[in-house]
Amino acid sequence: MKKAQVGNVVEFREGLQGIVEKVNENSVIVDLTYMDNYRDLELDQRTVINHKNYTIVRETTFQ
């Protein structure tokens, strides 16, 4: 399994998407305000996701 990097867009839990802000040993911290409908969903701004529970939607090209 490929781990996400800072700046990648990941998808998790039935279609939610966010931008990776920090990569930890077992998880990533994701900013959910990336989604257009973020306010309608009444979610917290950030969440923690285990590496096993997301897929990378878009990778960053900068290093």
N, C-alpha and C. Protein backbone atom coordinates (compact mmCIF):
# COMPACT_ATOMS: atom_id res chain seq x y z
N MET A 1 0.84 -1.18 0.00
CA MET A 1 0.00 0.00 0.00
C MET A 1 0.89 1.25 0.00
N LYS A 2 0.56 2.18 -0.84
CA LYS A 2 1.30 3.43 -0.93
C LYS A 2 0.72 4.45 0.05
N LYS A 3 1.58 5.05 0.85
CA LYS A 3 1.15 6.07 1.81
C LYS A 3 1.04 7.42 1.12
N ALA A 4 0.06 8.18 1.53
CA ALA A 4 -0.13 9.53 0.99
C ALA A 4 0.97 10.45 1.51
N GLN A 5 1.19 11.53 0.78
CA GLN A 5 2.16 12.56 1.16
C GLN A 5 1.40 13.87 1.39
N VAL A 6 2.04 14.81 2.05
CA VAL A 6 1.44 16.12 2.29
C VAL A 6 1.04 16.74 0.94
N GLY A 7 -0.18 17.22 0.85
CA GLY A 7 -0.68 17.83 -0.37
C GLY A 7 -1.51 16.91 -1.24
N ASN A 8 -1.43 15.59 -1.01
CA ASN A 8 -2.24 14.65 -1.77
C ASN A 8 -3.71 14.79 -1.40
N VAL A 9 -4.58 14.50 -2.35
CA VAL A 9 -6.01 14.44 -2.07
C VAL A 9 -6.35 12.97 -1.87
N VAL A 10 -7.01 12.66 -0.75
CA VAL A 10 -7.39 11.29 -0.45
C VAL A 10 -8.90 11.19 -0.31
N GLU A 11 -9.40 9.98 -0.55
CA GLU A 11 -10.83 9.70 -0.40
C GLU A 11 -11.00 8.61 0.64
N PHE A 12 -12.02 8.74 1.45
CA PHE A 12 -12.26 7.78 2.53
C PHE A 12 -13.74 7.76 2.86
N ARG A 13 -14.13 6.80 3.62
CA ARG A 13 -15.49 6.68 4.16
C ARG A 13 -16.59 7.15 3.21
N GLU A 14 -16.85 6.36 2.20
CA GLU A 14 -17.97 6.58 1.29
C GLU A 14 -17.94 7.91 0.55
N GLY A 15 -16.78 8.29 0.04
CA GLY A 15 -16.70 9.45 -0.85
C GLY A 15 -16.22 10.75 -0.26
N LEU A 16 -15.97 10.82 1.02
CA LEU A 16 -15.42 12.05 1.59
C LEU A 16 -14.00 12.24 1.08
N GLN A 17 -13.61 13.48 0.83
CA GLN A 17 -12.27 13.77 0.33
C GLN A 17 -11.65 14.91 1.12
N GLY A 18 -10.32 14.91 1.14
CA GLY A 18 -9.62 15.97 1.83
C GLY A 18 -8.16 16.01 1.40
N ILE A 19 -7.48 17.07 1.82
CA ILE A 19 -6.06 17.27 1.49
C ILE A 19 -5.23 16.88 2.70
N VAL A 20 -4.21 16.06 2.48
CA VAL A 20 -3.34 15.62 3.55
C VAL A 20 -2.50 16.79 4.04
N GLU A 21 -2.57 17.06 5.35
CA GLU A 21 -1.78 18.13 5.95
C GLU A 21 -0.56 17.61 6.70
N LYS A 22 -0.67 16.41 7.25
CA LYS A 22 0.45 15.83 8.00
C LYS A 22 0.40 14.32 7.88
N VAL A 23 1.58 13.70 7.74
CA VAL A 23 1.68 12.25 7.66
C VAL A 23 2.33 11.76 8.96
N ASN A 24 1.63 10.88 9.65
CA ASN A 24 2.14 10.25 10.86
C ASN A 24 2.52 8.80 10.54
N GLU A 25 3.05 8.09 11.52
CA GLU A 25 3.48 6.71 11.30
C GLU A 25 2.34 5.81 10.85
N ASN A 26 1.18 5.94 11.49
CA ASN A 26 0.05 5.05 11.20
C ASN A 26 -1.16 5.74 10.59
N SER A 27 -1.06 7.07 10.38
CA SER A 27 -2.24 7.80 9.92
C SER A 27 -1.85 9.10 9.24
N VAL A 28 -2.85 9.76 8.67
CA VAL A 28 -2.67 11.09 8.10
C VAL A 28 -3.71 12.03 8.72
N ILE A 29 -3.39 13.31 8.77
CA ILE A 29 -4.34 14.34 9.19
C ILE A 29 -4.80 15.04 7.92
N VAL A 30 -6.12 15.09 7.73
CA VAL A 30 -6.70 15.56 6.47
C VAL A 30 -7.58 16.78 6.70
N ASP A 31 -7.43 17.78 5.83
CA ASP A 31 -8.26 18.99 5.85
C ASP A 31 -9.48 18.73 4.97
N LEU A 32 -10.66 18.74 5.55
CA LEU A 32 -11.89 18.41 4.83
C LEU A 32 -12.51 19.60 4.11
N THR A 33 -12.01 20.81 4.34
CA THR A 33 -12.59 21.99 3.70
C THR A 33 -12.35 21.98 2.19
N TYR A 34 -11.60 21.02 1.69
CA TYR A 34 -11.37 20.84 0.25
C TYR A 34 -12.68 20.56 -0.48
N MET A 35 -13.61 19.89 0.18
CA MET A 35 -14.87 19.51 -0.46
C MET A 35 -15.79 20.72 -0.61
N ASP A 36 -16.45 20.82 -1.75
CA ASP A 36 -17.39 21.93 -2.00
C ASP A 36 -18.54 21.93 -1.01
N ASN A 37 -19.00 20.77 -0.60
CA ASN A 37 -20.16 20.67 0.29
C ASN A 37 -19.75 20.51 1.75
N TYR A 38 -18.55 20.90 2.11
CA TYR A 38 -18.03 20.76 3.48
C TYR A 38 -18.98 21.36 4.52
N ARG A 39 -19.45 22.57 4.31
CA ARG A 39 -20.32 23.23 5.30
C ARG A 39 -21.67 22.52 5.42
N ASP A 40 -22.19 22.00 4.32
CA ASP A 40 -23.47 21.30 4.36
C ASP A 40 -23.41 20.02 5.17
N LEU A 41 -22.25 19.37 5.20
CA LEU A 41 -22.09 18.10 5.90
C LEU A 41 -21.88 18.26 7.41
N GLU A 42 -21.62 19.48 7.86
CA GLU A 42 -21.43 19.78 9.28
C GLU A 42 -20.37 18.88 9.91
N LEU A 43 -19.20 18.82 9.27
CA LEU A 43 -18.08 18.04 9.76
C LEU A 43 -17.05 18.94 10.42
N ASP A 44 -16.18 18.34 11.23
CA ASP A 44 -15.04 19.09 11.75
C ASP A 44 -14.13 19.44 10.58
N GLN A 45 -13.29 20.45 10.77
CA GLN A 45 -12.41 20.90 9.69
C GLN A 45 -11.35 19.86 9.34
N ARG A 46 -10.85 19.14 10.33
CA ARG A 46 -9.82 18.14 10.11
C ARG A 46 -10.22 16.80 10.72
N THR A 47 -9.61 15.73 10.20
CA THR A 47 -9.82 14.41 10.77
C THR A 47 -8.56 13.58 10.60
N VAL A 48 -8.47 12.52 11.37
CA VAL A 48 -7.33 11.59 11.31
C VAL A 48 -7.82 10.31 10.66
N ILE A 49 -7.03 9.81 9.69
CA ILE A 49 -7.41 8.60 8.96
C ILE A 49 -6.24 7.63 8.95
N ASN A 50 -6.48 6.39 9.32
CA ASN A 50 -5.47 5.35 9.26
C ASN A 50 -5.08 5.11 7.81
N HIS A 51 -3.82 4.76 7.58
CA HIS A 51 -3.34 4.52 6.21
C HIS A 51 -4.15 3.43 5.48
N LYS A 52 -4.73 2.52 6.21
CA LYS A 52 -5.51 1.43 5.60
C LYS A 52 -6.87 1.89 5.10
N ASN A 53 -7.30 3.08 5.53
CA ASN A 53 -8.68 3.49 5.29
C ASN A 53 -8.87 4.60 4.28
N TYR A 54 -7.91 4.84 3.42
CA TYR A 54 -8.08 5.85 2.38
C TYR A 54 -7.44 5.38 1.08
N THR A 55 -7.85 6.05 -0.01
CA THR A 55 -7.19 5.86 -1.30
C THR A 55 -6.74 7.23 -1.79
N ILE A 56 -5.62 7.25 -2.48
CA ILE A 56 -5.09 8.50 -3.02
C ILE A 56 -5.83 8.82 -4.31
N VAL A 57 -6.45 10.01 -4.37
CA VAL A 57 -7.19 10.44 -5.54
C VAL A 57 -6.30 11.25 -6.48
N ARG A 58 -5.49 12.14 -5.88
CA ARG A 58 -4.59 12.98 -6.68
C ARG A 58 -3.30 13.19 -5.90
N GLU A 59 -2.19 12.97 -6.57
CA GLU A 59 -0.89 13.15 -5.92
C GLU A 59 -0.32 14.52 -6.28
N THR A 60 0.46 15.08 -5.38
CA THR A 60 1.13 16.34 -5.66
C THR A 60 2.34 16.07 -6.55
N THR A 61 2.74 17.05 -7.30
CA THR A 61 3.88 16.88 -8.21
C THR A 61 5.13 17.56 -7.68
N PHE A 62 5.00 18.37 -6.64
CA PHE A 62 6.18 19.04 -6.09
C PHE A 62 6.80 18.20 -4.98
N GLN A 63 8.06 18.40 -4.73
CA GLN A 63 8.77 17.65 -3.70
C GLN A 63 9.22 18.57 -2.60
